[in-house]
C-alpha atoms as a PDB file:
ATOM      1  CA  MET A   1     -50.373   9.396   8.707  1.00  0.00           C
ATOM      2  CA  SER A   2     -49.334  12.391  10.802  1.00  0.00           C
ATOM      3  CA  ALA A   3     -48.552  10.114  13.747  1.00  0.00           C
ATOM      4  CA  ARG A   4     -46.316   7.963  11.549  1.00  0.00           C
ATOM      5  CA  LEU A   5     -44.484  11.039  10.298  1.00  0.00           C
ATOM      6  CA  LEU A   6     -43.898  12.167  13.877  1.00  0.00           C
ATOM      7  CA  TRP A   7     -42.634   8.716  14.859  1.00  0.00           C
ATOM      8  CA  THR A   8     -40.326   8.724  11.820  1.00  0.00           C
ATOM      9  CA  LEU A   9     -38.977  12.158  12.719  1.00  0.00           C
ATOM     10  CA  GLY A  10     -38.417  11.024  16.294  1.00  0.00           C
ATOM     11  CA  LEU A  11     -36.586   7.917  15.096  1.00  0.00           C
ATOM     12  CA  LEU A  12     -34.271   9.994  12.891  1.00  0.00           C
ATOM     13  CA  VAL A  13     -33.532  12.401  15.729  1.00  0.00           C
ATOM     14  CA  ALA A  14     -32.801   9.513  18.120  1.00  0.00           C
ATOM     15  CA  ILE A  15     -30.430   7.853  15.658  1.00  0.00           C
ATOM     16  CA  ALA A  16     -28.630  11.146  14.944  1.00  0.00           C
ATOM     17  CA  ALA A  17     -28.225  11.719  18.685  1.00  0.00           C
ATOM     18  CA  LEU A  18     -26.911   8.160  19.131  1.00  0.00           C
ATOM     19  CA  ARG A  19     -24.321   8.646  16.401  1.00  0.00           C
ATOM     20  CA  ALA A  20     -23.226  11.961  17.910  1.00  0.00           C
ATOM     21  CA  LEU A  21     -22.920  10.315  21.340  1.00  0.00           C
ATOM     22  CA  VAL A  22     -20.797   7.449  19.988  1.00  0.00           C
ATOM     23  CA  GLY A  23     -18.561   9.928  18.132  1.00  0.00           C
ATOM     24  CA  ALA A  24     -18.101  12.046  21.247  1.00  0.00           C
ATOM     25  CA  LEU A  25     -17.207   9.008  23.339  1.00  0.00           C
ATOM     26  CA  MET A  26     -14.627   7.866  20.774  1.00  0.00           C
ATOM     27  CA  ARG A  27     -13.035  11.320  20.601  1.00  0.00           C
ATOM     28  CA  ARG A  28     -12.905  11.479  24.380  1.00  0.00           C
ATOM     29  CA  SER A  29     -11.297   8.052  24.699  1.00  0.00           C
ATOM     30  CA  THR A  30      -8.698   8.567  21.941  1.00  0.00           C
ATOM     31  CA  GLY A  31      -8.030  12.283  22.300  1.00  0.00           C
ATOM     32  CA  ASP A  32      -7.472  14.836  19.553  1.00  0.00           C
ATOM     33  CA  GLY A  33      -3.829  13.996  18.801  1.00  0.00           C
ATOM     34  CA  PRO A  34      -2.479  11.711  16.067  1.00  0.00           C
ATOM     35  CA  LEU A  35      -3.797   8.159  16.169  1.00  0.00           C
ATOM     36  CA  HIS A  36      -1.516   5.247  16.942  1.00  0.00           C
ATOM     37  CA  GLU A  37      -2.015   1.876  15.257  1.00  0.00           C
ATOM     38  CA  HIS A  38      -3.846   0.242  18.177  1.00  0.00           C
ATOM     39  CA  THR A  39      -6.028   3.297  18.781  1.00  0.00           C
ATOM     40  CA  ALA A  40      -6.892   3.591  15.093  1.00  0.00           C
ATOM     41  CA  HIS A  41      -7.858  -0.075  14.918  1.00  0.00           C
ATOM     42  CA  ARG A  42     -10.087   0.231  17.991  1.00  0.00           C
ATOM     43  CA  ARG A  43     -11.773   3.341  16.605  1.00  0.00           C
ATOM     44  CA  PHE A  44     -12.275   1.570  13.274  1.00  0.00           C
ATOM     45  CA  VAL A  45     -14.002  -1.417  14.907  1.00  0.00           C
ATOM     46  CA  VAL A  46     -16.289   0.814  16.981  1.00  0.00           C
ATOM     47  CA  GLN A  47     -17.188   2.928  13.943  1.00  0.00           C
ATOM     48  CA  GLN A  48     -18.052  -0.096  11.824  1.00  0.00           C
ATOM     49  CA  VAL A  49     -20.175  -1.697  14.549  1.00  0.00           C
ATOM     50  CA  ALA A  50     -21.950   1.606  15.205  1.00  0.00           C
ATOM     51  CA  SER A  51     -22.618   2.153  11.482  1.00  0.00           C
ATOM     52  CA  LEU A  52     -24.104  -1.310  11.045  1.00  0.00           C
ATOM     53  CA  PHE A  53     -26.190  -0.943  14.217  1.00  0.00           C
ATOM     54  CA  VAL A  54     -27.538   2.436  13.077  1.00  0.00           C
ATOM     55  CA  LEU A  55     -28.394   1.041   9.648  1.00  0.00           C
ATOM     56  CA  LEU A  56     -30.250  -1.942  11.115  1.00  0.00           C
ATOM     57  CA  ALA A  57     -32.038   0.229  13.676  1.00  0.00           C
ATOM     58  CA  LEU A  58     -33.158   2.649  10.971  1.00  0.00           C
ATOM     59  CA  LEU A  59     -34.471  -0.089   8.698  1.00  0.00           C
ATOM     60  CA  GLY A  60     -36.151  -1.922  11.555  1.00  0.00           C
ATOM     61  CA  GLY A  61     -37.732   1.249  12.951  1.00  0.00           C
ATOM     62  CA  LEU A  62     -39.072   2.426   9.604  1.00  0.00           C
ATOM     63  CA  THR A  63     -40.457  -1.030   8.895  1.00  0.00           C
ATOM     64  CA  ARG A  64     -42.222  -1.155  12.263  1.00  0.00           C
ATOM     65  CA  ILE A  65     -43.691   2.344  11.840  1.00  0.00           C
ATOM     66  CA  TRP A  66     -44.921   2.138   8.251  1.00  0.00           C
ATOM     67  CA  PHE A  67     -45.753  -1.559   7.791  1.00  0.00           C
ATOM     68  CA  SER A  68     -47.917  -3.121  10.458  1.00  0.00           C
ATOM     69  CA  ASP A  69     -49.375  -5.797   8.137  1.00  0.00           C
ATOM     70  CA  PRO A  70     -46.853  -8.633   7.493  1.00  0.00           C
ATOM     71  CA  GLY A  71     -48.470  -9.621   4.188  1.00  0.00           C
ATOM     72  CA  ARG A  72     -48.307  -6.083   2.884  1.00  0.00           C
ATOM     73  CA  LEU A  73     -44.748  -5.782   4.115  1.00  0.00           C
ATOM     74  CA  ALA A  74     -43.643  -8.882   2.190  1.00  0.00           C
ATOM     75  CA  THR A  75     -45.185  -7.538  -1.037  1.00  0.00           C
ATOM     76  CA  VAL A  76     -43.623  -4.103  -0.666  1.00  0.00           C
ATOM     77  CA  VAL A  77     -40.240  -5.549   0.252  1.00  0.00           C
ATOM     78  CA  GLY A  78     -40.280  -7.836  -2.787  1.00  0.00           C
ATOM     79  CA  LEU A  79     -41.115  -5.016  -5.188  1.00  0.00           C
ATOM     80  CA  ALA A  80     -38.677  -2.629  -3.546  1.00  0.00           C
ATOM     81  CA  THR A  81     -35.892  -5.185  -3.610  1.00  0.00           C
ATOM     82  CA  ALA A  82     -36.318  -5.776  -7.333  1.00  0.00           C
ATOM     83  CA  GLY A  83     -36.320  -2.053  -8.088  1.00  0.00           C
ATOM     84  CA  ILE A  84     -33.374  -1.290  -5.842  1.00  0.00           C
ATOM     85  CA  ALA A  85     -31.341  -4.165  -7.280  1.00  0.00           C
ATOM     86  CA  VAL A  86     -31.621  -2.600 -10.749  1.00  0.00           C
ATOM     87  CA  ALA A  87     -31.356   1.078  -9.851  1.00  0.00           C
ATOM     88  CA  LEU A  88     -28.642   0.799  -7.201  1.00  0.00           C
ATOM     89  CA  GLN A  89     -26.615  -2.103  -8.496  1.00  0.00           C
ATOM     90  CA  ARG A  90     -23.234  -0.460  -7.893  1.00  0.00           C
ATOM     91  CA  VAL A  91     -24.232   0.721  -4.430  1.00  0.00           C
ATOM     92  CA  ILE A  92     -25.395  -2.748  -3.405  1.00  0.00           C
ATOM     93  CA  THR A  93     -22.225  -4.280  -4.834  1.00  0.00           C
ATOM     94  CA  ALA A  94     -20.085  -1.800  -2.876  1.00  0.00           C
ATOM     95  CA  PHE A  95     -21.947  -2.599   0.342  1.00  0.00           C
ATOM     96  CA  ALA A  96     -21.618  -6.340  -0.283  1.00  0.00           C
ATOM     97  CA  ALA A  97     -17.892  -5.820  -0.864  1.00  0.00           C
ATOM     98  CA  TYR A  98     -17.684  -3.946   2.437  1.00  0.00           C
ATOM     99  CA  LEU A  99     -19.159  -6.940   4.275  1.00  0.00           C
ATOM    100  CA  ILE A 100     -16.735  -9.296   2.499  1.00  0.00           C
ATOM    101  CA  ILE A 101     -13.779  -7.054   3.421  1.00  0.00           C
ATOM    102  CA  LEU A 102     -14.763  -7.226   7.087  1.00  0.00           C
ATOM    103  CA  ARG A 103     -15.593 -10.927   7.073  1.00  0.00           C
ATOM    104  CA  SER A 104     -12.548 -12.111   5.099  1.00  0.00           C
ATOM    105  CA  ARG A 105     -10.152  -9.522   6.565  1.00  0.00           C
ATOM    106  CA  ILE A 106      -8.948  -8.533   3.122  1.00  0.00           C
ATOM    107  CA  PHE A 107      -7.588  -5.322   4.626  1.00  0.00           C
ATOM    108  CA  ALA A 108      -8.164  -3.074   7.620  1.00  0.00           C
ATOM    109  CA  ILE A 109      -7.248   0.364   8.888  1.00  0.00           C
ATOM    110  CA  GLY A 110      -3.490   0.902   8.734  1.00  0.00           C
ATOM    111  CA  ASP A 111      -2.799  -1.767   6.108  1.00  0.00           C
ATOM    112  CA  ARG A 112      -0.654  -0.854   3.115  1.00  0.00           C
ATOM    113  CA  ILE A 113      -2.466  -2.007  -0.013  1.00  0.00           C
ATOM    114  CA  THR A 114      -2.824  -1.564  -3.741  1.00  0.00           C
ATOM    115  CA  ILE A 115      -6.439  -1.533  -4.928  1.00  0.00           C
ATOM    116  CA  GLY A 116      -7.853  -0.282  -8.197  1.00  0.00           C
ATOM    117  CA  GLY A 117      -4.443   1.062  -9.233  1.00  0.00           C
ATOM    118  CA  VAL A 118      -4.108   3.109  -6.022  1.00  0.00           C
ATOM    119  CA  ARG A 119      -1.163   2.436  -3.697  1.00  0.00           C
ATOM    120  CA  GLY A 120      -1.038   3.562  -0.095  1.00  0.00           C
ATOM    121  CA  ASP A 121      -2.188   3.103   3.477  1.00  0.00           C
ATOM    122  CA  VAL A 122      -5.838   2.575   4.420  1.00  0.00           C
ATOM    123  CA  VAL A 123      -6.796   5.507   6.662  1.00  0.00           C
ATOM    124  CA  ALA A 124     -10.606   5.171   6.686  1.00  0.00           C
ATOM    125  CA  MET A 125     -13.320   2.711   5.654  1.00  0.00           C
ATOM    126  CA  GLY A 126     -17.014   3.258   5.024  1.00  0.00           C
ATOM    127  CA  LEU A 127     -19.995   1.286   3.863  1.00  0.00           C
ATOM    128  CA  MET A 128     -19.350   2.299   0.240  1.00  0.00           C
ATOM    129  CA  GLN A 129     -15.810   3.666  -0.005  1.00  0.00           C
ATOM    130  CA  THR A 130     -12.303   3.156   1.336  1.00  0.00           C
ATOM    131  CA  THR A 131      -9.940   6.101   1.813  1.00  0.00           C
ATOM    132  CA  VAL A 132      -6.266   5.565   0.992  1.00  0.00           C
ATOM    133  CA  MET A 133      -3.323   7.862   1.720  1.00  0.00           C
ATOM    134  CA  GLU A 134      -1.449   7.591  -1.576  1.00  0.00           C
ATOM    135  CA  MET A 135       2.240   6.740  -1.698  1.00  0.00           C
ATOM    136  CA  GLY A 136       4.812   6.951  -4.456  1.00  0.00           C
ATOM    137  CA  GLU A 137       6.807   4.174  -6.082  1.00  0.00           C
ATOM    138  CA  PRO A 138      10.365   3.781  -7.391  1.00  0.00           C
ATOM    139  CA  PRO A 139      10.581   4.710 -11.097  1.00  0.00           C
ATOM    140  CA  SER A 140      11.087   1.071 -12.102  1.00  0.00           C
ATOM    141  CA  ALA A 141       7.825   0.079 -10.357  1.00  0.00           C
ATOM    142  CA  GLN A 142       5.612   2.920 -11.561  1.00  0.00           C
ATOM    143  CA  SER A 143       2.857   1.978 -13.981  1.00  0.00           C
ATOM    144  CA  GLY A 144      -0.596   3.162 -14.932  1.00  0.00           C
ATOM    145  CA  ASP A 145      -2.398   6.360 -14.052  1.00  0.00           C
ATOM    146  CA  PRO A 146      -2.367   8.648 -12.249  1.00  0.00           C
ATOM    147  CA  LYS A 147       1.366   9.290 -12.330  1.00  0.00           C
ATOM    148  CA  VAL A 148       3.076  10.151  -9.072  1.00  0.00           C
ATOM    149  CA  TRP A 149       5.989  12.519  -8.538  1.00  0.00           C
ATOM    150  CA  VAL A 150       7.410  10.847  -5.420  1.00  0.00           C
ATOM    151  CA  ASN A 151       9.986   8.274  -6.537  1.00  0.00           C
ATOM    152  CA  ALA A 152       9.860   6.194  -3.350  1.00  0.00           C
ATOM    153  CA  ARG A 153       7.334   4.484  -1.087  1.00  0.00           C
ATOM    154  CA  GLN A 154       6.466   7.660   0.790  1.00  0.00           C
ATOM    155  CA  TYR A 155       3.235   9.644   1.002  1.00  0.00           C
ATOM    156  CA  THR A 156       2.350  12.004  -1.828  1.00  0.00           C
ATOM    157  CA  GLY A 157      -0.186  13.850   0.328  1.00  0.00           C
ATOM    158  CA  ARG A 158      -3.231  12.866  -1.735  1.00  0.00           C
ATOM    159  CA  LEU A 159      -6.189  11.136  -0.088  1.00  0.00           C
ATOM    160  CA  ILE A 160      -7.967   8.907  -2.597  1.00  0.00           C
ATOM    161  CA  ARG A 161     -11.404   7.355  -2.182  1.00  0.00           C
ATOM    162  CA  VAL A 162     -11.924   3.980  -3.824  1.00  0.00           C
ATOM    163  CA  THR A 163     -15.300   2.236  -3.977  1.00  0.00           C
ATOM    164  CA  ASN A 164     -15.305  -1.070  -2.136  1.00  0.00           C
ATOM    165  CA  ASP A 165     -16.542  -3.013  -5.163  1.00  0.00           C
ATOM    166  CA  LYS A 166     -13.053  -2.741  -6.674  1.00  0.00           C
ATOM    167  CA  ILE A 167     -12.209  -5.993  -4.848  1.00  0.00           C
ATOM    168  CA  PHE A 168     -14.402  -7.808  -7.410  1.00  0.00           C
ATOM    169  CA  ASP A 169     -12.710  -6.192 -10.433  1.00  0.00           C
ATOM    170  CA  THR A 170      -9.004  -5.948  -9.595  1.00  0.00           C
ATOM    171  CA  PRO A 171      -6.521  -7.811  -7.400  1.00  0.00           C
ATOM    172  CA  VAL A 172      -5.922  -6.434  -3.905  1.00  0.00           C
ATOM    173  CA  TYR A 173      -2.251  -6.374  -2.907  1.00  0.00           C
ATOM    174  CA  ASN A 174      -1.900  -6.304   0.877  1.00  0.00           C
ATOM    175  CA  TYR A 175       1.652  -5.641   2.056  1.00  0.00           C
ATOM    176  CA  THR A 176       0.782  -5.763   5.759  1.00  0.00           C
ATOM    177  CA  ARG A 177      -1.730  -8.473   6.567  1.00  0.00           C
ATOM    178  CA  GLU A 178       0.294 -11.696   6.441  1.00  0.00           C
ATOM    179  CA  PHE A 179       3.948 -10.583   6.326  1.00  0.00           C
ATOM    180  CA  PRO A 180       4.683  -6.896   7.019  1.00  0.00           C
ATOM    181  CA  TRP A 181       8.113  -6.998   5.368  1.00  0.00           C
ATOM    182  CA  MET A 182       9.456  -6.716   1.830  1.00  0.00           C
ATOM    183  CA  TRP A 183      12.588  -7.824   0.045  1.00  0.00           C
ATOM    184  CA  GLU A 184      14.444  -4.928  -1.541  1.00  0.00           C
ATOM    185  CA  GLU A 185      17.238  -5.028  -4.092  1.00  0.00           C
ATOM    186  CA  LEU A 186      20.135  -2.673  -4.727  1.00  0.00           C
ATOM    187  CA  SER A 187      21.975  -3.175  -8.044  1.00  0.00           C
ATOM    188  CA  ILE A 188      25.530  -1.864  -8.502  1.00  0.00           C
ATOM    189  CA  PRO A 189      27.464  -2.255 -11.805  1.00  0.00           C
ATOM    190  CA  VAL A 190      31.253  -2.620 -11.572  1.00  0.00           C
ATOM    191  CA  LYS A 191      33.881  -2.907 -14.297  1.00  0.00           C
ATOM    192  CA  TYR A 192      35.205  -6.278 -15.404  1.00  0.00           C
ATOM    193  CA  ASP A 193      38.746  -5.384 -14.342  1.00  0.00           C
ATOM    194  CA  ALA A 194      37.571  -4.264 -10.876  1.00  0.00           C
ATOM    195  CA  ASP A 195      37.835  -6.345  -7.712  1.00  0.00           C
ATOM    196  CA  TYR A 196      34.203  -7.485  -7.680  1.00  0.00           C
ATOM    197  CA  GLY A 197      34.902  -9.781  -4.744  1.00  0.00           C
ATOM    198  CA  ARG A 198      35.787  -6.776  -2.616  1.00  0.00           C
ATOM    199  CA  ALA A 199      32.692  -4.985  -3.941  1.00  0.00           C
ATOM    200  CA  GLU A 200      30.545  -7.920  -2.832  1.00  0.00           C
ATOM    201  CA  GLU A 201      32.066  -7.783   0.651  1.00  0.00           C
ATOM    202  CA  ILE A 202      31.272  -4.074   0.917  1.00  0.00           C
ATOM    203  CA  LEU A 203      27.657  -4.607  -0.117  1.00  0.00           C
ATOM    204  CA  LEU A 204      27.146  -7.452   2.370  1.00  0.00           C
ATOM    205  CA  ALA A 205      28.815  -5.508   5.187  1.00  0.00           C
ATOM    206  CA  ALA A 206      26.559  -2.489   4.594  1.00  0.00           C
ATOM    207  CA  ALA A 207      23.464  -4.687   4.459  1.00  0.00           C
ATOM    208  CA  HIS A 208      24.330  -6.561   7.655  1.00  0.00           C
ATOM    209  CA  ARG A 209      25.113  -3.296   9.416  1.00  0.00           C
ATOM    210  CA  HIS A 210      21.609  -1.950   8.799  1.00  0.00           C
ATOM    211  CA  THR A 211      19.393  -5.058   8.581  1.00  0.00           C
ATOM    212  CA  ASP A 212      20.617  -7.597  11.163  1.00  0.00           C
ATOM    213  CA  ASP A 213      18.175  -6.263  13.771  1.00  0.00           C
ATOM    214  CA  LEU A 214      15.418  -6.252  11.149  1.00  0.00           C
ATOM    215  CA  VAL A 215      16.097  -9.906  10.278  1.00  0.00           C
ATOM    216  CA  THR A 216      15.762 -10.871  13.950  1.00  0.00           C
ATOM    217  CA  GLU A 217      12.493  -8.959  14.186  1.00  0.00           C
ATOM    218  CA  ALA A 218      11.099 -10.409  10.946  1.00  0.00           C
ATOM    219  CA  ARG A 219      11.932 -14.044  11.653  1.00  0.00           C
ATOM    220  CA  PRO A 220       8.869 -14.791  13.875  1.00  0.00           C
ATOM    221  CA  ASN A 221       6.598 -13.232  11.237  1.00  0.00           C
ATOM    222  CA  PHE A 222       8.165 -15.382   8.543  1.00  0.00           C
ATOM    223  CA  GLU A 223       7.781 -18.552  10.611  1.00  0.00           C
ATOM    224  CA  ALA A 224       4.102 -17.704  11.144  1.00  0.00           C
ATOM    225  CA  LEU A 225       3.742 -17.232   7.393  1.00  0.00           C
ATOM    226  CA  ARG A 226       5.330 -20.604   6.678  1.00  0.00           C
ATOM    227  CA  SER A 227       3.039 -22.320   9.173  1.00  0.00           C
ATOM    228  CA  ARG A 228       0.026 -21.025   7.276  1.00  0.00           C
ATOM    229  CA  TYR A 229       1.176 -21.201   3.650  1.00  0.00           C
ATOM    230  CA  LEU A 230       3.480 -23.419   1.604  1.00  0.00           C
ATOM    231  CA  VAL A 231       6.652 -21.325   1.350  1.00  0.00           C
ATOM    232  CA  SER A 232       9.815 -22.652  -0.267  1.00  0.00           C
ATOM    233  CA  GLU A 233      12.655 -23.688   2.014  1.00  0.00           C
ATOM    234  CA  GLN A 234      15.037 -21.700  -0.238  1.00  0.00           C
ATOM    235  CA  VAL A 235      13.744 -18.373   1.057  1.00  0.00           C
ATOM    236  CA  SER A 236      16.276 -16.608   3.277  1.00  0.00           C
ATOM    237  CA  LEU A 237      15.974 -13.468   5.350  1.00  0.00           C
ATOM    238  CA  GLU A 238      19.730 -12.890   5.429  1.00  0.00           C
ATOM    239  CA  PRO A 239      21.291 -10.400   2.969  1.00  0.00           C
ATOM    240  CA  HIS A 240      22.696 -11.960  -0.173  1.00  0.00           C
ATOM    241  CA  VAL A 241      24.534 -10.720  -3.268  1.00  0.00           C
ATOM    242  CA  TYR A 242      23.803 -12.110  -6.722  1.00  0.00           C
ATOM    243  CA  LEU A 243      26.177 -11.643  -9.662  1.00  0.00           C
ATOM    244  CA  ARG A 244      25.174 -11.214 -13.292  1.00  0.00           C
ATOM    245  CA  MET A 245      27.407 -10.700 -16.330  1.00  0.00           C
ATOM    246  CA  THR A 246      26.332  -8.186 -18.954  1.00  0.00           C
ATOM    247  CA  ASP A 247      27.901  -6.829 -22.156  1.00  0.00           C
ATOM    248  CA  ASN A 248      29.285  -3.786 -20.358  1.00  0.00           C
ATOM    249  CA  TRP A 249      29.876  -4.664 -16.692  1.00  0.00           C
ATOM    250  CA  ILE A 250      29.372  -7.069 -13.832  1.00  0.00           C
ATOM    251  CA  GLU A 251      26.096  -6.358 -12.045  1.00  0.00           C
ATOM    252  CA  LEU A 252      25.986  -7.049  -8.310  1.00  0.00           C
ATOM    253  CA  SER A 253      22.450  -7.206  -6.867  1.00  0.00           C
ATOM    254  CA  LEU A 254      22.130  -6.933  -3.102  1.00  0.00           C
ATOM    255  CA  ARG A 255      18.928  -8.525  -1.760  1.00  0.00           C
ATOM    256  CA  PHE A 256      17.846  -7.769   1.815  1.00  0.00           C
ATOM    257  CA  ILE A 257      14.757  -7.580   4.030  1.00  0.00           C
ATOM    258  CA  ALA A 258      13.151  -4.203   4.743  1.00  0.00           C
ATOM    259  CA  PRO A 259      10.149  -2.948   6.731  1.00  0.00           C
ATOM    260  CA  LEU A 260       7.134  -1.495   4.965  1.00  0.00           C
ATOM    261  CA  HIS A 261       7.712   1.945   6.467  1.00  0.00           C
ATOM    262  CA  GLY A 262      11.085   3.654   6.338  1.00  0.00           C
ATOM    263  CA  VAL A 263      12.396   1.880   3.234  1.00  0.00           C
ATOM    264  CA  ARG A 264      13.760   5.094   1.739  1.00  0.00           C
ATOM    265  CA  SER A 265      15.756   5.915   4.878  1.00  0.00           C
ATOM    266  CA  LEU A 266      17.159   2.389   4.935  1.00  0.00           C
ATOM    267  CA  MET A 267      18.152   2.535   1.257  1.00  0.00           C
ATOM    268  CA  ASN A 268      19.713   5.954   1.805  1.00  0.00           C
ATOM    269  CA  ALA A 269      21.855   4.655   4.692  1.00  0.00           C
ATOM    270  CA  ILE A 270      23.047   1.629   2.691  1.00  0.00           C
ATOM    271  CA  HIS A 271      23.815   3.747  -0.383  1.00  0.00           C
ATOM    272  CA  ARG A 272      25.909   6.164   1.682  1.00  0.00           C
ATOM    273  CA  ASP A 273      27.910   3.359   3.297  1.00  0.00           C
ATOM    274  CA  VAL A 274      28.522   1.700  -0.072  1.00  0.00           C
ATOM    275  CA  LEU A 275      29.704   4.951  -1.673  1.00  0.00           C
ATOM    276  CA  ARG A 276      32.066   5.656   1.214  1.00  0.00           C
ATOM    277  CA  ASP A 277      33.535   2.139   1.246  1.00  0.00           C
ATOM    278  CA  PHE A 278      33.836   2.062  -2.557  1.00  0.00           C
ATOM    279  CA  ALA A 279      35.835   5.296  -2.427  1.00  0.00           C
ATOM    280  CA  GLU A 280      38.142   3.897   0.266  1.00  0.00           C
ATOM    281  CA  ALA A 281      38.653   0.687  -1.740  1.00  0.00           C
ATOM    282  CA  LYS A 282      39.190   2.712  -4.962  1.00  0.00           C
ATOM    283  CA  LEU A 283      36.298   0.935  -6.656  1.00  0.00           C
ATOM    284  CA  GLU A 284      34.294   2.731  -9.325  1.00  0.00           C
ATOM    285  CA  VAL A 285      30.678   2.261 -10.351  1.00  0.00           C
ATOM    286  CA  ALA A 286      30.591   1.310 -14.029  1.00  0.00           C
ATOM    287  CA  SER A 287      28.732   3.369 -16.607  1.00  0.00           C
ATOM    288  CA  SER A 288      28.199   3.285 -20.346  1.00  0.00           C
ATOM    289  CA  THR A 289      31.128   4.930 -22.148  1.00  0.00           C
ATOM    290  CA  TYR A 290      32.482   5.013 -25.692  1.00  0.00           C
ATOM    291  CA  ASP A 291      36.216   4.666 -26.471  1.00  0.00           C
ATOM    292  CA  ILE A 292      37.473   6.197 -29.709  1.00  0.00           C
ATOM    293  CA  VAL A 293      40.269   3.875 -30.754  1.00  0.00           C
ATOM    294  CA  GLY A 294      41.251   5.533 -34.023  1.00  0.00           C
ATOM    295  CA  LEU A 295      40.617   8.399 -36.386  1.00  0.00           C
ATOM    296  CA  PRO A 296      41.019   8.602 -40.172  1.00  0.00           C
ATOM    297  CA  PRO A 297      43.567  11.090 -41.524  1.00  0.00           C
ATOM    298  CA  ILE A 298      42.302  14.632 -41.584  1.00  0.00           C
ATOM    299  CA  ARG A 299      43.403  17.081 -44.325  1.00  0.00           C
ATOM    300  CA  VAL A 300      42.781  20.778 -44.050  1.00  0.00           C
ATOM    301  CA  ARG A 301      43.071  22.960 -47.143  1.00  0.00           C
ATOM    302  CA  VAL A 302      43.183  26.691 -46.752  1.00  0.00           C
ATOM    303  CA  GLU A 303      42.443  28.781 -49.818  1.00  0.00           C
ATOM    304  CA  SER A 304      43.497  32.392 -50.066  1.00  0.00           C
ATOM    305  CA  PRO A 305      40.679  34.817 -50.744  1.00  0.00           C
ATOM    306  CA  PRO A 306      40.446  36.099 -54.344  1.00  0.00           C
ATOM    307  CA  ARG A 307      41.949  39.499 -55.036  1.00  0.00           C
END
């Protein structure tokens, strides 16, 4: 018994030393500065392979030390498996989800995802949990808890850990994996008596000014997406303006392609150009107002105070 304990202690020390060595080699190869996408992906692959290797080595070593009789080993493994399956159901499910994430490439380090109600970029992955750097959402897209105070797709600063088994319970939205672009919309209301044709020209000019290079960059990604999935031929990457009539104004909706990162800066640039060009063209953005078209007669009676 004492010899087995010593062998077990030696195995644990060897595995801890191996993990420390792998970590030191990764830090030496990548440096201490901020990680770039390629470096982060390489570190992620090495970490996952090392974690799985350590787990298998630990299980194999303990089995070899403590169970020399195959028949006894089969009995113990059967009983242990039944007990573990009941007691650690969530843990086993999370680990199984981790293997499915790796095998099916549901997401990886650096991907922008929504999982379990959490939106953000995947910054770390483990056997049981995934760490996400949370991002905000525009007010029109915000839903559920917890609420966020950043009204755009930018980091809030919170790191959130989500158990891997969430892939079995909720949909996983991956904004990066297949097509790392999004279509954005900018809606501008104009009055019915305004020159909405000129307003449409201004919107298209601003969009082309800031997205033509993005369209060229996104086109190969879109063609790759169409070669893999059935995508309608009506989809266009070029900016387009759609018109809708309402009770109060004409709504012009500008639709354009945008990258996953830097959407707020792009929207800010387009908004500023549109405001400037609207002012030069003497166009006004419509708003809800009330016109008082008439008033009933008003009589004022002044009574002298009693003496």
